[in-house]
Amino acid sequence: MKTYRLIGALVLLGLGLSQTSPFKARLEAAIRAGGEEFAQVMLGQDEGQRLCTQYRDKIPAELLPGFLEAQKKLIRYPKDGKLVGDWRNGEKVFTDPRRGNCYACHQGDPREVAYGTMGPSLTGYGAQRGSSEAVVRYTYEKIYNAWAFVPCSLMYRGGVHGLFTPEETADLVAFLLDPESPINRR
């Protein structure tokens, strides 16, 4: 799966290159060598992606309820039913550039100096919101599949795309909510 994501990113990068690019030619050759199934895996879109593309990220109002319902159905939960895991494991996923890579878009631990600003700061997330059942469920579901709340959001659907498991999603929730987590300590 990781190989497919890497190749997919390379394919998308290659598609944006000029016709004369040797890089693009190599990518196209790899797709041809992989056959139709390979191309479908690499270039195919699920129904949500298709709608976001078709409507340029502005889903018509009459399609929104169905879109949101379909995205909610993609959310998977930990086998043990616990939506809050181990914040230390959550920190590892949060910082892993191959999986969570959350610092690419969010500020987290206030001691971390390198972070993106595309998403909101998550510093003090749990301290500000508390840890009620509603907050825990929302946080879990938003991390697992952001599109279940904000259609076509720039936040990727990490759980849906297998970047982290339901258990690791619970660990990420703990990283955001646990008072002992660096995110909530000042």
N, C-alpha and C. Protein backbone atom coordinates (compact mmCIF):
# COMPACT_ATOMS: atom_id res chain seq x y z
N MET A 1 0.82 -1.19 0.00
CA MET A 1 0.00 0.00 0.00
C MET A 1 0.87 1.26 0.00
N LYS A 2 1.95 1.24 0.80
CA LYS A 2 2.83 2.41 0.85
C LYS A 2 3.46 2.66 -0.51
N THR A 3 3.83 1.58 -1.22
CA THR A 3 4.42 1.72 -2.54
C THR A 3 3.43 2.38 -3.49
N TYR A 4 2.16 1.97 -3.41
CA TYR A 4 1.14 2.56 -4.27
C TYR A 4 0.98 4.05 -4.01
N ARG A 5 1.02 4.46 -2.73
CA ARG A 5 0.89 5.89 -2.41
C ARG A 5 2.06 6.66 -2.98
N LEU A 6 3.27 6.12 -2.85
CA LEU A 6 4.44 6.79 -3.38
C LEU A 6 4.36 6.89 -4.90
N ILE A 7 4.02 5.79 -5.53
CA ILE A 7 3.92 5.80 -6.99
C ILE A 7 2.80 6.74 -7.42
N GLY A 8 1.68 6.75 -6.67
CA GLY A 8 0.57 7.64 -6.98
C GLY A 8 1.01 9.10 -6.93
N ALA A 9 1.76 9.46 -5.90
CA ALA A 9 2.25 10.83 -5.79
C ALA A 9 3.17 11.16 -6.95
N LEU A 10 4.02 10.21 -7.31
CA LEU A 10 4.91 10.44 -8.44
C LEU A 10 4.14 10.56 -9.74
N VAL A 11 3.11 9.75 -9.90
CA VAL A 11 2.29 9.83 -11.12
C VAL A 11 1.63 11.19 -11.21
N LEU A 12 1.03 11.64 -10.10
CA LEU A 12 0.38 12.94 -10.12
C LEU A 12 1.37 14.05 -10.41
N LEU A 13 2.55 13.97 -9.82
CA LEU A 13 3.59 14.95 -10.11
C LEU A 13 3.97 14.89 -11.58
N GLY A 14 4.13 13.69 -12.08
CA GLY A 14 4.51 13.51 -13.48
C GLY A 14 3.47 14.02 -14.45
N LEU A 15 2.20 13.89 -14.10
CA LEU A 15 1.14 14.35 -14.99
C LEU A 15 1.16 15.87 -15.14
N GLY A 16 1.72 16.55 -14.17
CA GLY A 16 1.79 18.00 -14.24
C GLY A 16 3.01 18.49 -15.02
N LEU A 17 3.87 17.59 -15.39
CA LEU A 17 5.08 17.99 -16.12
C LEU A 17 4.80 18.14 -17.61
N SER A 18 5.69 18.80 -18.30
CA SER A 18 5.50 19.03 -19.74
C SER A 18 5.58 17.71 -20.51
N GLN A 19 5.10 17.74 -21.73
CA GLN A 19 5.08 16.57 -22.60
C GLN A 19 6.48 16.01 -22.84
N THR A 20 7.49 16.85 -22.81
CA THR A 20 8.84 16.41 -23.16
C THR A 20 9.63 15.90 -21.97
N SER A 21 9.03 15.86 -20.81
CA SER A 21 9.75 15.46 -19.61
C SER A 21 10.11 13.97 -19.64
N PRO A 22 11.41 13.64 -19.47
CA PRO A 22 11.78 12.23 -19.40
C PRO A 22 11.18 11.55 -18.16
N PHE A 23 10.98 12.32 -17.08
CA PHE A 23 10.35 11.79 -15.88
C PHE A 23 8.93 11.34 -16.19
N LYS A 24 8.20 12.15 -16.91
CA LYS A 24 6.82 11.81 -17.28
C LYS A 24 6.81 10.56 -18.15
N ALA A 25 7.73 10.46 -19.06
CA ALA A 25 7.80 9.30 -19.94
C ALA A 25 8.05 8.02 -19.13
N ARG A 26 8.94 8.07 -18.14
CA ARG A 26 9.21 6.91 -17.30
C ARG A 26 7.97 6.52 -16.49
N LEU A 27 7.26 7.51 -15.98
CA LEU A 27 6.05 7.22 -15.22
C LEU A 27 4.98 6.58 -16.10
N GLU A 28 4.81 7.11 -17.30
CA GLU A 28 3.83 6.54 -18.21
C GLU A 28 4.20 5.11 -18.58
N ALA A 29 5.49 4.84 -18.75
CA ALA A 29 5.94 3.48 -19.05
C ALA A 29 5.64 2.55 -17.89
N ALA A 30 5.81 3.03 -16.65
CA ALA A 30 5.51 2.20 -15.47
C ALA A 30 4.03 1.87 -15.41
N ILE A 31 3.20 2.83 -15.75
CA ILE A 31 1.76 2.58 -15.77
C ILE A 31 1.41 1.55 -16.83
N ARG A 32 1.98 1.70 -18.02
CA ARG A 32 1.71 0.74 -19.10
C ARG A 32 2.17 -0.65 -18.70
N ALA A 33 3.33 -0.74 -18.08
CA ALA A 33 3.86 -2.05 -17.68
C ALA A 33 2.99 -2.68 -16.60
N GLY A 34 2.35 -1.88 -15.79
CA GLY A 34 1.51 -2.39 -14.71
C GLY A 34 0.14 -2.82 -15.18
N GLY A 35 -0.25 -2.43 -16.37
CA GLY A 35 -1.54 -2.83 -16.90
C GLY A 35 -2.69 -1.97 -16.42
N GLU A 36 -3.88 -2.31 -16.89
CA GLU A 36 -5.08 -1.54 -16.59
C GLU A 36 -5.41 -1.51 -15.11
N GLU A 37 -5.25 -2.63 -14.42
CA GLU A 37 -5.57 -2.68 -12.99
C GLU A 37 -4.65 -1.73 -12.21
N PHE A 38 -3.37 -1.73 -12.56
CA PHE A 38 -2.41 -0.83 -11.92
C PHE A 38 -2.82 0.63 -12.13
N ALA A 39 -3.18 0.97 -13.35
CA ALA A 39 -3.59 2.34 -13.67
C ALA A 39 -4.85 2.72 -12.88
N GLN A 40 -5.80 1.80 -12.75
CA GLN A 40 -7.01 2.09 -12.01
C GLN A 40 -6.71 2.35 -10.54
N VAL A 41 -5.82 1.53 -9.98
CA VAL A 41 -5.45 1.72 -8.57
C VAL A 41 -4.79 3.08 -8.40
N MET A 42 -3.93 3.44 -9.33
CA MET A 42 -3.16 4.66 -9.20
C MET A 42 -3.96 5.91 -9.52
N LEU A 43 -4.82 5.82 -10.50
CA LEU A 43 -5.50 7.02 -10.98
C LEU A 43 -6.99 7.04 -10.66
N GLY A 44 -7.52 5.94 -10.14
CA GLY A 44 -8.94 5.87 -9.85
C GLY A 44 -9.33 6.75 -8.67
N GLN A 45 -10.59 7.15 -8.66
CA GLN A 45 -11.12 7.96 -7.57
C GLN A 45 -12.29 7.21 -6.95
N ASP A 46 -12.45 7.37 -5.63
CA ASP A 46 -13.65 6.84 -5.02
C ASP A 46 -14.78 7.84 -5.30
N GLU A 47 -15.99 7.48 -4.92
CA GLU A 47 -17.15 8.33 -5.23
C GLU A 47 -17.02 9.73 -4.63
N GLY A 48 -16.53 9.83 -3.41
CA GLY A 48 -16.34 11.14 -2.78
C GLY A 48 -15.35 12.00 -3.56
N GLN A 49 -14.23 11.40 -3.94
CA GLN A 49 -13.23 12.14 -4.72
C GLN A 49 -13.80 12.57 -6.07
N ARG A 50 -14.58 11.68 -6.67
CA ARG A 50 -15.19 12.00 -7.97
C ARG A 50 -16.09 13.22 -7.85
N LEU A 51 -16.92 13.25 -6.79
CA LEU A 51 -17.82 14.39 -6.60
C LEU A 51 -17.04 15.68 -6.31
N CYS A 52 -16.00 15.58 -5.48
CA CYS A 52 -15.19 16.77 -5.20
C CYS A 52 -14.54 17.30 -6.46
N THR A 53 -14.08 16.40 -7.32
CA THR A 53 -13.48 16.82 -8.58
C THR A 53 -14.53 17.41 -9.50
N GLN A 54 -15.63 16.71 -9.65
CA GLN A 54 -16.69 17.14 -10.56
C GLN A 54 -17.21 18.54 -10.20
N TYR A 55 -17.39 18.80 -8.92
CA TYR A 55 -17.96 20.07 -8.49
C TYR A 55 -16.91 21.03 -7.93
N ARG A 56 -15.66 20.76 -8.22
CA ARG A 56 -14.54 21.62 -7.81
C ARG A 56 -14.62 21.98 -6.32
N ASP A 57 -14.80 20.94 -5.50
CA ASP A 57 -14.82 21.04 -4.04
C ASP A 57 -16.02 21.80 -3.47
N LYS A 58 -17.03 22.04 -4.27
CA LYS A 58 -18.24 22.72 -3.79
C LYS A 58 -19.44 21.84 -4.13
N ILE A 59 -19.67 20.84 -3.28
CA ILE A 59 -20.75 19.89 -3.50
C ILE A 59 -22.10 20.62 -3.46
N PRO A 60 -22.98 20.43 -4.45
CA PRO A 60 -24.29 21.08 -4.42
C PRO A 60 -25.09 20.69 -3.16
N ALA A 61 -25.88 21.62 -2.67
CA ALA A 61 -26.63 21.43 -1.43
C ALA A 61 -27.47 20.16 -1.45
N GLU A 62 -28.07 19.83 -2.58
CA GLU A 62 -28.93 18.65 -2.64
C GLU A 62 -28.14 17.35 -2.54
N LEU A 63 -26.84 17.38 -2.79
CA LEU A 63 -26.01 16.17 -2.70
C LEU A 63 -25.29 16.04 -1.34
N LEU A 64 -25.27 17.13 -0.58
CA LEU A 64 -24.51 17.13 0.68
C LEU A 64 -24.95 16.06 1.69
N PRO A 65 -26.24 15.90 1.96
CA PRO A 65 -26.62 14.88 2.95
C PRO A 65 -26.13 13.48 2.57
N GLY A 66 -26.27 13.11 1.32
CA GLY A 66 -25.80 11.80 0.87
C GLY A 66 -24.29 11.68 0.93
N PHE A 67 -23.59 12.75 0.58
CA PHE A 67 -22.14 12.78 0.62
C PHE A 67 -21.65 12.56 2.05
N LEU A 68 -22.21 13.35 2.99
CA LEU A 68 -21.79 13.24 4.39
C LEU A 68 -22.12 11.87 4.97
N GLU A 69 -23.28 11.33 4.63
CA GLU A 69 -23.66 10.00 5.11
C GLU A 69 -22.69 8.94 4.58
N ALA A 70 -22.33 9.03 3.31
CA ALA A 70 -21.38 8.07 2.73
C ALA A 70 -20.02 8.17 3.40
N GLN A 71 -19.58 9.38 3.71
CA GLN A 71 -18.28 9.57 4.36
C GLN A 71 -18.31 9.04 5.79
N LYS A 72 -19.41 9.23 6.51
CA LYS A 72 -19.53 8.70 7.88
C LYS A 72 -19.44 7.17 7.87
N LYS A 73 -20.01 6.55 6.84
CA LYS A 73 -19.99 5.09 6.76
C LYS A 73 -18.58 4.53 6.55
N LEU A 74 -17.66 5.37 6.10
CA LEU A 74 -16.28 4.92 5.89
C LEU A 74 -15.46 4.89 7.18
N ILE A 75 -15.99 5.48 8.24
CA ILE A 75 -15.25 5.54 9.50
C ILE A 75 -15.30 4.18 10.18
N ARG A 76 -14.13 3.70 10.56
CA ARG A 76 -13.99 2.43 11.30
C ARG A 76 -13.50 2.75 12.70
N TYR A 77 -13.90 1.93 13.65
CA TYR A 77 -13.59 2.17 15.05
C TYR A 77 -12.71 1.05 15.60
N PRO A 78 -11.97 1.32 16.67
CA PRO A 78 -11.12 0.29 17.26
C PRO A 78 -11.94 -0.93 17.69
N LYS A 79 -11.32 -2.09 17.59
CA LYS A 79 -12.00 -3.34 17.96
C LYS A 79 -12.46 -3.33 19.41
N ASP A 80 -11.69 -2.68 20.29
CA ASP A 80 -12.07 -2.66 21.70
C ASP A 80 -13.09 -1.56 22.04
N GLY A 81 -13.45 -0.76 21.05
CA GLY A 81 -14.45 0.29 21.25
C GLY A 81 -13.94 1.55 21.91
N LYS A 82 -12.67 1.57 22.31
CA LYS A 82 -12.11 2.74 23.01
C LYS A 82 -11.62 3.76 21.98
N LEU A 83 -12.15 4.97 22.06
CA LEU A 83 -11.78 6.03 21.11
C LEU A 83 -10.61 6.88 21.59
N VAL A 84 -10.13 6.61 22.80
CA VAL A 84 -8.95 7.30 23.33
C VAL A 84 -7.92 6.24 23.66
N GLY A 85 -6.76 6.35 23.03
CA GLY A 85 -5.70 5.37 23.22
C GLY A 85 -4.56 5.91 24.06
N ASP A 86 -3.35 5.68 23.61
CA ASP A 86 -2.12 6.06 24.31
C ASP A 86 -1.53 7.29 23.63
N TRP A 87 -1.44 8.40 24.36
CA TRP A 87 -0.97 9.63 23.73
C TRP A 87 0.46 9.52 23.24
N ARG A 88 1.28 8.69 23.88
CA ARG A 88 2.68 8.55 23.45
C ARG A 88 2.75 7.91 22.05
N ASN A 89 1.90 6.92 21.81
CA ASN A 89 1.83 6.34 20.47
C ASN A 89 1.24 7.35 19.49
N GLY A 90 0.27 8.13 19.96
CA GLY A 90 -0.32 9.17 19.12
C GLY A 90 0.70 10.21 18.69
N GLU A 91 1.60 10.54 19.60
CA GLU A 91 2.66 11.50 19.26
C GLU A 91 3.55 10.95 18.15
N LYS A 92 3.83 9.66 18.19
CA LYS A 92 4.66 9.04 17.15
C LYS A 92 3.97 9.11 15.79
N VAL A 93 2.68 8.83 15.76
CA VAL A 93 1.94 8.90 14.49
C VAL A 93 1.83 10.34 14.02
N PHE A 94 1.56 11.26 14.95
CA PHE A 94 1.42 12.68 14.64
C PHE A 94 2.67 13.22 13.96
N THR A 95 3.82 12.77 14.43
CA THR A 95 5.09 13.31 13.92
C THR A 95 5.69 12.51 12.77
N ASP A 96 5.17 11.34 12.49
CA ASP A 96 5.72 10.47 11.44
C ASP A 96 5.39 11.04 10.06
N PRO A 97 6.39 11.45 9.28
CA PRO A 97 6.12 12.05 7.97
C PRO A 97 5.54 11.06 6.96
N ARG A 98 5.59 9.77 7.25
CA ARG A 98 5.04 8.78 6.33
C ARG A 98 3.59 8.44 6.65
N ARG A 99 3.10 8.90 7.78
CA ARG A 99 1.76 8.49 8.20
C ARG A 99 0.92 9.69 8.60
N GLY A 100 1.05 10.14 9.83
CA GLY A 100 0.25 11.28 10.27
C GLY A 100 0.72 12.56 9.61
N ASN A 101 2.00 12.85 9.78
CA ASN A 101 2.61 14.05 9.23
C ASN A 101 1.79 15.29 9.57
N CYS A 102 1.21 15.31 10.74
CA CYS A 102 0.30 16.39 11.14
C CYS A 102 1.00 17.75 11.21
N TYR A 103 2.30 17.75 11.53
CA TYR A 103 3.03 19.01 11.60
C TYR A 103 3.15 19.69 10.23
N ALA A 104 2.87 18.99 9.17
CA ALA A 104 2.90 19.62 7.85
C ALA A 104 1.84 20.72 7.75
N CYS A 105 0.76 20.57 8.52
CA CYS A 105 -0.35 21.53 8.44
C CYS A 105 -0.70 22.20 9.77
N HIS A 106 -0.35 21.56 10.89
CA HIS A 106 -0.79 22.04 12.21
C HIS A 106 0.37 22.29 13.16
N GLN A 107 0.17 23.25 14.06
CA GLN A 107 1.05 23.37 15.20
C GLN A 107 0.52 22.41 16.26
N GLY A 108 1.40 21.73 16.95
CA GLY A 108 1.01 20.80 18.00
C GLY A 108 1.71 21.14 19.29
N ASP A 109 2.75 20.37 19.60
CA ASP A 109 3.57 20.64 20.78
C ASP A 109 4.15 22.05 20.64
N PRO A 110 3.89 22.94 21.60
CA PRO A 110 4.37 24.31 21.47
C PRO A 110 5.89 24.43 21.40
N ARG A 111 6.61 23.37 21.81
CA ARG A 111 8.08 23.41 21.73
C ARG A 111 8.57 23.14 20.31
N GLU A 112 7.71 22.61 19.45
CA GLU A 112 8.09 22.30 18.07
C GLU A 112 8.11 23.60 17.27
N VAL A 113 9.25 23.88 16.65
CA VAL A 113 9.39 25.16 15.93
C VAL A 113 9.01 25.06 14.46
N ALA A 114 8.98 23.86 13.91
CA ALA A 114 8.67 23.70 12.49
C ALA A 114 7.28 23.08 12.35
N TYR A 115 6.36 23.82 11.76
CA TYR A 115 5.01 23.32 11.54
C TYR A 115 4.34 24.15 10.44
N GLY A 116 3.34 23.56 9.82
CA GLY A 116 2.60 24.26 8.79
C GLY A 116 1.47 25.07 9.39
N THR A 117 0.92 25.93 8.57
CA THR A 117 -0.16 26.80 9.04
C THR A 117 -1.43 26.63 8.20
N MET A 118 -1.49 25.61 7.38
CA MET A 118 -2.68 25.38 6.56
C MET A 118 -3.87 25.00 7.43
N GLY A 119 -3.61 24.23 8.49
CA GLY A 119 -4.66 23.84 9.42
C GLY A 119 -4.54 24.66 10.69
N PRO A 120 -5.56 24.60 11.54
CA PRO A 120 -5.51 25.38 12.79
C PRO A 120 -4.47 24.84 13.75
N SER A 121 -4.02 25.70 14.64
CA SER A 121 -3.12 25.26 15.70
C SER A 121 -3.89 24.30 16.61
N LEU A 122 -3.22 23.22 17.00
CA LEU A 122 -3.81 22.24 17.90
C LEU A 122 -3.23 22.35 19.31
N THR A 123 -2.39 23.33 19.52
CA THR A 123 -1.82 23.57 20.85
C THR A 123 -2.95 23.87 21.84
N GLY A 124 -2.97 23.13 22.93
CA GLY A 124 -4.01 23.31 23.94
C GLY A 124 -5.36 22.73 23.54
N TYR A 125 -5.39 21.86 22.55
CA TYR A 125 -6.66 21.32 22.02
C TYR A 125 -7.52 20.74 23.14
N GLY A 126 -6.99 19.82 23.90
CA GLY A 126 -7.77 19.19 24.97
C GLY A 126 -8.04 20.13 26.12
N ALA A 127 -7.07 20.98 26.45
CA ALA A 127 -7.25 21.93 27.54
C ALA A 127 -8.40 22.89 27.24
N GLN A 128 -8.58 23.25 25.97
CA GLN A 128 -9.63 24.18 25.58
C GLN A 128 -11.00 23.50 25.43
N ARG A 129 -11.01 22.24 25.00
CA ARG A 129 -12.26 21.58 24.65
C ARG A 129 -12.76 20.60 25.70
N GLY A 130 -11.87 20.12 26.56
CA GLY A 130 -12.25 19.10 27.53
C GLY A 130 -12.22 17.73 26.88
N SER A 131 -12.82 16.76 27.54
CA SER A 131 -12.78 15.39 27.01
C SER A 131 -14.14 14.70 27.16
N SER A 132 -15.20 15.46 26.93
CA SER A 132 -16.54 14.87 26.98
C SER A 132 -16.67 13.81 25.89
N GLU A 133 -17.67 12.96 26.02
CA GLU A 133 -17.90 11.92 25.01
C GLU A 133 -18.09 12.53 23.62
N ALA A 134 -18.80 13.66 23.55
CA ALA A 134 -19.03 14.31 22.26
C ALA A 134 -17.72 14.82 21.65
N VAL A 135 -16.86 15.40 22.47
CA VAL A 135 -15.56 15.90 21.98
C VAL A 135 -14.70 14.73 21.51
N VAL A 136 -14.68 13.65 22.28
CA VAL A 136 -13.87 12.48 21.92
C VAL A 136 -14.36 11.92 20.58
N ARG A 137 -15.66 11.72 20.44
CA ARG A 137 -16.21 11.14 19.20
C ARG A 137 -15.93 12.05 18.00
N TYR A 138 -16.18 13.34 18.15
CA TYR A 138 -15.93 14.28 17.06
C TYR A 138 -14.45 14.25 16.66
N THR A 139 -13.58 14.31 17.64
CA THR A 139 -12.14 14.33 17.36
C THR A 139 -11.72 13.06 16.64
N TYR A 140 -12.19 11.92 17.12
CA TYR A 140 -11.86 10.64 16.49
C TYR A 140 -12.33 10.62 15.03
N GLU A 141 -13.59 10.94 14.83
CA GLU A 141 -14.17 10.86 13.48
C GLU A 141 -13.55 11.89 12.53
N LYS A 142 -13.24 13.07 13.03
CA LYS A 142 -12.62 14.11 12.20
C LYS A 142 -11.22 13.68 11.76
N ILE A 143 -10.46 13.07 12.67
CA ILE A 143 -9.12 12.59 12.31
C ILE A 143 -9.23 11.45 11.31
N TYR A 144 -10.12 10.51 11.55
CA TYR A 144 -10.23 9.33 10.69
C TYR A 144 -10.70 9.71 9.29
N ASN A 145 -11.70 10.59 9.21
CA ASN A 145 -12.23 11.00 7.90
C ASN A 145 -12.78 12.42 8.00
N ALA A 146 -11.95 13.39 7.73
CA ALA A 146 -12.33 14.80 7.81
C ALA A 146 -13.51 15.13 6.90
N TRP A 147 -13.64 14.41 5.80
CA TRP A 147 -14.71 14.71 4.84
C TRP A 147 -16.09 14.39 5.41
N ALA A 148 -16.18 13.65 6.49
CA ALA A 148 -17.47 13.38 7.12
C ALA A 148 -18.03 14.64 7.78
N PHE A 149 -17.20 15.67 7.91
CA PHE A 149 -17.61 16.93 8.52
C PHE A 149 -17.46 18.12 7.58
N VAL A 150 -16.39 18.12 6.80
CA VAL A 150 -16.12 19.21 5.87
C VAL A 150 -15.87 18.58 4.49
N PRO A 151 -16.91 18.53 3.66
CA PRO A 151 -16.75 17.90 2.35
C PRO A 151 -15.58 18.50 1.56
N CYS A 152 -14.78 17.61 1.01
CA CYS A 152 -13.65 18.00 0.15
C CYS A 152 -12.59 18.80 0.89
N SER A 153 -12.54 18.68 2.21
CA SER A 153 -11.57 19.38 3.03
C SER A 153 -10.15 19.09 2.54
N LEU A 154 -9.25 20.03 2.76
CA LEU A 154 -7.85 19.79 2.45
C LEU A 154 -7.24 18.75 3.38
N MET A 155 -7.84 18.57 4.56
CA MET A 155 -7.32 17.56 5.49
C MET A 155 -7.59 16.19 4.89
N TYR A 156 -6.54 15.41 4.74
CA TYR A 156 -6.70 14.10 4.12
C TYR A 156 -7.45 13.14 5.03
N ARG A 157 -7.93 12.10 4.42
CA ARG A 157 -8.73 11.09 5.12
C ARG A 157 -7.80 9.96 5.53
N GLY A 158 -7.00 10.23 6.58
CA GLY A 158 -5.94 9.32 6.99
C GLY A 158 -6.38 7.91 7.32
N GLY A 159 -7.48 7.78 8.03
CA GLY A 159 -7.98 6.45 8.34
C GLY A 159 -8.54 5.75 7.12
N VAL A 160 -9.30 6.48 6.33
CA VAL A 160 -9.91 5.92 5.12
C VAL A 160 -8.83 5.40 4.18
N HIS A 161 -7.75 6.13 4.06
CA HIS A 161 -6.69 5.75 3.13
C HIS A 161 -5.62 4.85 3.75
N GLY A 162 -5.85 4.41 4.98
CA GLY A 162 -4.95 3.44 5.59
C GLY A 162 -3.63 4.00 6.08
N LEU A 163 -3.54 5.31 6.27
CA LEU A 163 -2.30 5.88 6.79
C LEU A 163 -2.13 5.55 8.27
N PHE A 164 -3.26 5.35 8.95
CA PHE A 164 -3.22 4.88 10.33
C PHE A 164 -4.47 4.05 10.59
N THR A 165 -4.36 3.14 11.53
CA THR A 165 -5.43 2.21 11.89
C THR A 165 -6.44 2.89 12.82
N PRO A 166 -7.57 2.25 13.06
CA PRO A 166 -8.50 2.79 14.05
C PRO A 166 -7.84 2.94 15.44
N GLU A 167 -7.02 1.99 15.82
CA GLU A 167 -6.34 2.07 17.11
C GLU A 167 -5.36 3.25 17.14
N GLU A 168 -4.66 3.48 16.04
CA GLU A 168 -3.75 4.62 15.98
C GLU A 168 -4.52 5.94 15.95
N THR A 169 -5.71 5.92 15.37
CA THR A 169 -6.56 7.12 15.41
C THR A 169 -6.91 7.43 16.85
N ALA A 170 -7.23 6.40 17.64
CA ALA A 170 -7.52 6.59 19.07
C ALA A 170 -6.28 7.14 19.79
N ASP A 171 -5.10 6.70 19.38
CA ASP A 171 -3.87 7.23 19.96
C ASP A 171 -3.70 8.71 19.62
N LEU A 172 -4.04 9.09 18.40
CA LEU A 172 -3.98 10.50 18.01
C LEU A 172 -4.97 11.33 18.83
N VAL A 173 -6.16 10.78 19.08
CA VAL A 173 -7.14 11.46 19.92
C VAL A 173 -6.54 11.70 21.31
N ALA A 174 -5.89 10.68 21.85
CA ALA A 174 -5.26 10.82 23.16
C ALA A 174 -4.18 11.91 23.13
N PHE A 175 -3.40 11.94 22.06
CA PHE A 175 -2.36 12.96 21.95
C PHE A 175 -2.97 14.36 21.98
N LEU A 176 -4.14 14.53 21.39
CA LEU A 176 -4.79 15.83 21.38
C LEU A 176 -5.52 16.16 22.69
N LEU A 177 -6.00 15.14 23.39
CA LEU A 177 -6.86 15.40 24.55
C LEU A 177 -6.22 15.18 25.91
N ASP A 178 -5.28 14.29 26.02
CA ASP A 178 -4.72 13.94 27.33
C ASP A 178 -4.01 15.14 27.96
N PRO A 179 -4.32 15.44 29.22
CA PRO A 179 -3.67 16.57 29.90
C PRO A 179 -2.15 16.41 30.01
N GLU A 180 -1.65 15.18 29.97
CA GLU A 180 -0.21 14.94 30.07
C GLU A 180 0.51 15.07 28.72
N SER A 181 -0.24 15.11 27.64
CA SER A 181 0.35 15.24 26.31
C SER A 181 1.03 16.60 26.17
N PRO A 182 2.15 16.67 25.44
CA PRO A 182 2.82 17.96 25.23
C PRO A 182 1.91 19.01 24.60
N ILE A 183 0.91 18.58 23.87
CA ILE A 183 -0.02 19.53 23.24
C ILE A 183 -0.77 20.34 24.30
N ASN A 184 -1.04 19.73 25.44
CA ASN A 184 -1.85 20.39 26.46
C ASN A 184 -1.05 20.91 27.65
N ARG A 185 0.26 20.69 27.65
CA ARG A 185 1.10 21.21 28.74
C ARG A 185 1.70 22.54 28.30
N ARG A 186 1.75 23.47 29.18
CA ARG A 186 2.33 24.77 28.82
C ARG A 186 3.42 25.14 29.78
